[in-house]
Amino acid sequence: PIKGNTDGTALGSPGHAACGGILRNHLGQNLGCFAANIGVANALYAELMGVILAIEIAYEKNWNYLWFGV
């Protein structure tokens, strides 16, 4: 399985928001990472966007088994 660790934050509610994450294999090797500025949003939206972006990356790379830590 591919392990995804994502996080999102906002400076205010709403405020400037961003998210990021890392995707690793079962050996802990980095398979990919990302960071994104998502504009003005709240923290929950930023967290969800982090997971959505990680799923999009996994889909593009045809990775089928995902496990997330948020």
N, C-alpha and C. Protein backbone atom coordinates (compact mmCIF):
# COMPACT_ATOMS: atom_id res chain seq x y z
N PRO A 1 0.82 -1.21 0.00
CA PRO A 1 0.00 0.00 0.00
C PRO A 1 0.86 1.26 0.00
N ILE A 2 0.27 2.34 -0.45
CA ILE A 2 0.91 3.65 -0.45
C ILE A 2 0.38 4.42 0.76
N LYS A 3 1.29 4.96 1.57
CA LYS A 3 0.90 5.74 2.75
C LYS A 3 0.99 7.21 2.41
N GLY A 4 -0.10 7.92 2.63
CA GLY A 4 -0.12 9.36 2.41
C GLY A 4 -0.29 10.10 3.72
N ASN A 5 0.60 11.04 3.98
CA ASN A 5 0.46 11.94 5.12
C ASN A 5 0.21 13.33 4.57
N THR A 6 -0.91 13.92 4.95
CA THR A 6 -1.29 15.23 4.45
C THR A 6 -1.59 16.16 5.61
N ASP A 7 -1.56 17.45 5.33
CA ASP A 7 -1.90 18.45 6.33
C ASP A 7 -2.38 19.70 5.62
N GLY A 8 -3.20 20.45 6.30
CA GLY A 8 -3.68 21.71 5.77
C GLY A 8 -3.84 22.71 6.90
N THR A 9 -3.72 23.97 6.59
CA THR A 9 -3.85 25.00 7.62
C THR A 9 -4.37 26.29 7.01
N ALA A 10 -4.93 27.13 7.87
CA ALA A 10 -5.41 28.45 7.45
C ALA A 10 -5.06 29.47 8.52
N LEU A 11 -4.69 30.66 8.09
CA LEU A 11 -4.40 31.76 9.01
C LEU A 11 -5.68 32.57 9.18
N GLY A 12 -6.55 32.10 10.05
CA GLY A 12 -7.85 32.71 10.25
C GLY A 12 -8.94 31.77 9.77
N SER A 13 -10.18 32.19 9.99
CA SER A 13 -11.29 31.34 9.58
C SER A 13 -12.40 32.20 9.00
N PRO A 14 -12.38 32.47 7.71
CA PRO A 14 -11.38 32.00 6.74
C PRO A 14 -10.15 32.89 6.73
N GLY A 15 -9.11 32.37 6.07
CA GLY A 15 -7.86 33.11 5.93
C GLY A 15 -7.01 32.47 4.86
N HIS A 16 -5.81 32.98 4.67
CA HIS A 16 -4.90 32.39 3.68
C HIS A 16 -4.67 30.93 4.06
N ALA A 17 -4.85 30.03 3.10
CA ALA A 17 -4.80 28.59 3.40
C ALA A 17 -3.85 27.87 2.44
N ALA A 18 -3.29 26.76 2.94
CA ALA A 18 -2.39 25.94 2.14
C ALA A 18 -2.47 24.50 2.64
N CYS A 19 -1.99 23.59 1.80
CA CYS A 19 -1.96 22.18 2.19
C CYS A 19 -0.74 21.54 1.56
N GLY A 20 -0.41 20.37 2.05
CA GLY A 20 0.73 19.64 1.51
C GLY A 20 0.67 18.20 1.94
N GLY A 21 1.56 17.41 1.37
CA GLY A 21 1.58 16.01 1.74
C GLY A 21 2.77 15.27 1.15
N ILE A 22 2.95 14.06 1.64
CA ILE A 22 4.00 13.16 1.15
C ILE A 22 3.39 11.78 0.96
N LEU A 23 3.83 11.09 -0.08
CA LEU A 23 3.37 9.73 -0.38
C LEU A 23 4.58 8.81 -0.34
N ARG A 24 4.47 7.73 0.44
CA ARG A 24 5.59 6.80 0.62
C ARG A 24 5.14 5.36 0.40
N ASN A 25 6.09 4.51 0.04
CA ASN A 25 5.79 3.09 -0.12
C ASN A 25 5.92 2.36 1.21
N HIS A 26 5.77 1.03 1.18
CA HIS A 26 5.81 0.24 2.42
C HIS A 26 7.18 0.23 3.09
N LEU A 27 8.21 0.65 2.39
CA LEU A 27 9.55 0.75 2.96
C LEU A 27 9.84 2.14 3.51
N GLY A 28 8.89 3.06 3.37
CA GLY A 28 9.08 4.42 3.83
C GLY A 28 9.80 5.31 2.83
N GLN A 29 10.01 4.81 1.62
CA GLN A 29 10.70 5.60 0.59
C GLN A 29 9.73 6.62 -0.01
N ASN A 30 10.23 7.83 -0.20
CA ASN A 30 9.43 8.91 -0.76
C ASN A 30 9.09 8.62 -2.22
N LEU A 31 7.80 8.59 -2.53
CA LEU A 31 7.35 8.41 -3.91
C LEU A 31 6.88 9.72 -4.53
N GLY A 32 6.60 10.69 -3.71
CA GLY A 32 6.15 11.98 -4.21
C GLY A 32 5.70 12.87 -3.07
N CYS A 33 5.73 14.16 -3.31
CA CYS A 33 5.25 15.11 -2.31
C CYS A 33 4.69 16.33 -3.04
N PHE A 34 3.93 17.12 -2.31
CA PHE A 34 3.30 18.29 -2.93
C PHE A 34 3.03 19.34 -1.86
N ALA A 35 2.88 20.57 -2.31
CA ALA A 35 2.44 21.69 -1.48
C ALA A 35 1.62 22.60 -2.37
N ALA A 36 0.55 23.15 -1.82
CA ALA A 36 -0.33 23.99 -2.63
C ALA A 36 -0.90 25.14 -1.81
N ASN A 37 -0.89 26.33 -2.39
CA ASN A 37 -1.58 27.48 -1.83
C ASN A 37 -3.00 27.40 -2.37
N ILE A 38 -3.99 27.37 -1.49
CA ILE A 38 -5.37 27.21 -1.98
C ILE A 38 -6.21 28.47 -1.80
N GLY A 39 -5.57 29.60 -1.53
CA GLY A 39 -6.29 30.86 -1.45
C GLY A 39 -6.90 31.08 -0.08
N VAL A 40 -8.07 31.68 -0.04
CA VAL A 40 -8.75 31.97 1.22
C VAL A 40 -9.74 30.85 1.52
N ALA A 41 -9.57 30.22 2.68
CA ALA A 41 -10.43 29.10 3.08
C ALA A 41 -10.29 28.90 4.58
N ASN A 42 -11.07 27.97 5.13
CA ASN A 42 -10.89 27.63 6.54
C ASN A 42 -10.02 26.37 6.65
N ALA A 43 -9.65 26.00 7.87
CA ALA A 43 -8.72 24.89 8.09
C ALA A 43 -9.31 23.56 7.62
N LEU A 44 -10.59 23.33 7.83
CA LEU A 44 -11.20 22.07 7.40
C LEU A 44 -11.10 21.91 5.89
N TYR A 45 -11.38 22.97 5.16
CA TYR A 45 -11.27 22.92 3.70
C TYR A 45 -9.83 22.63 3.28
N ALA A 46 -8.87 23.26 3.95
CA ALA A 46 -7.45 23.04 3.63
C ALA A 46 -7.06 21.58 3.89
N GLU A 47 -7.52 21.00 4.99
CA GLU A 47 -7.24 19.59 5.29
C GLU A 47 -7.82 18.69 4.20
N LEU A 48 -9.06 18.93 3.83
CA LEU A 48 -9.71 18.11 2.80
C LEU A 48 -9.03 18.25 1.45
N MET A 49 -8.60 19.46 1.10
CA MET A 49 -7.90 19.65 -0.17
C MET A 49 -6.58 18.88 -0.20
N GLY A 50 -5.91 18.77 0.94
CA GLY A 50 -4.69 17.98 1.00
C GLY A 50 -4.94 16.52 0.65
N VAL A 51 -6.01 15.96 1.20
CA VAL A 51 -6.36 14.57 0.89
C VAL A 51 -6.78 14.43 -0.57
N ILE A 52 -7.58 15.35 -1.06
CA ILE A 52 -8.04 15.29 -2.46
C ILE A 52 -6.85 15.36 -3.42
N LEU A 53 -5.91 16.26 -3.17
CA LEU A 53 -4.74 16.36 -4.05
C LEU A 53 -3.90 15.09 -4.01
N ALA A 54 -3.77 14.48 -2.83
CA ALA A 54 -3.02 13.22 -2.72
C ALA A 54 -3.72 12.11 -3.50
N ILE A 55 -5.04 12.06 -3.43
CA ILE A 55 -5.79 11.06 -4.19
C ILE A 55 -5.62 11.29 -5.69
N GLU A 56 -5.63 12.54 -6.13
CA GLU A 56 -5.43 12.84 -7.55
C GLU A 56 -4.05 12.38 -8.02
N ILE A 57 -3.02 12.60 -7.22
CA ILE A 57 -1.67 12.15 -7.58
C ILE A 57 -1.64 10.64 -7.67
N ALA A 58 -2.22 9.95 -6.69
CA ALA A 58 -2.24 8.48 -6.69
C ALA A 58 -2.99 7.96 -7.92
N TYR A 59 -4.09 8.61 -8.28
CA TYR A 59 -4.86 8.20 -9.45
C TYR A 59 -4.02 8.35 -10.72
N GLU A 60 -3.32 9.48 -10.86
CA GLU A 60 -2.49 9.72 -12.04
C GLU A 60 -1.37 8.69 -12.17
N LYS A 61 -0.88 8.20 -11.03
CA LYS A 61 0.22 7.23 -11.04
C LYS A 61 -0.28 5.78 -11.00
N ASN A 62 -1.62 5.62 -11.04
CA ASN A 62 -2.26 4.30 -11.04
C ASN A 62 -1.94 3.49 -9.78
N TRP A 63 -1.85 4.17 -8.64
CA TRP A 63 -1.68 3.50 -7.35
C TRP A 63 -3.06 3.18 -6.80
N ASN A 64 -3.31 1.91 -6.50
CA ASN A 64 -4.65 1.47 -6.12
C ASN A 64 -4.91 1.37 -4.63
N TYR A 65 -3.89 1.07 -3.84
CA TYR A 65 -4.09 0.85 -2.41
C TYR A 65 -3.50 2.02 -1.63
N LEU A 66 -4.38 2.82 -1.02
CA LEU A 66 -3.95 4.02 -0.32
C LEU A 66 -4.34 3.95 1.15
N TRP A 67 -3.48 4.52 1.99
CA TRP A 67 -3.72 4.60 3.42
C TRP A 67 -3.33 6.01 3.83
N PHE A 68 -4.23 6.74 4.49
CA PHE A 68 -3.96 8.14 4.81
C PHE A 68 -3.86 8.40 6.29
N GLY A 69 -2.93 9.26 6.65
CA GLY A 69 -2.84 9.85 7.98
C GLY A 69 -2.99 11.35 7.80
N VAL A 70 -4.00 11.90 8.44
CA VAL A 70 -4.30 13.32 8.26
C VAL A 70 -3.98 14.06 9.54
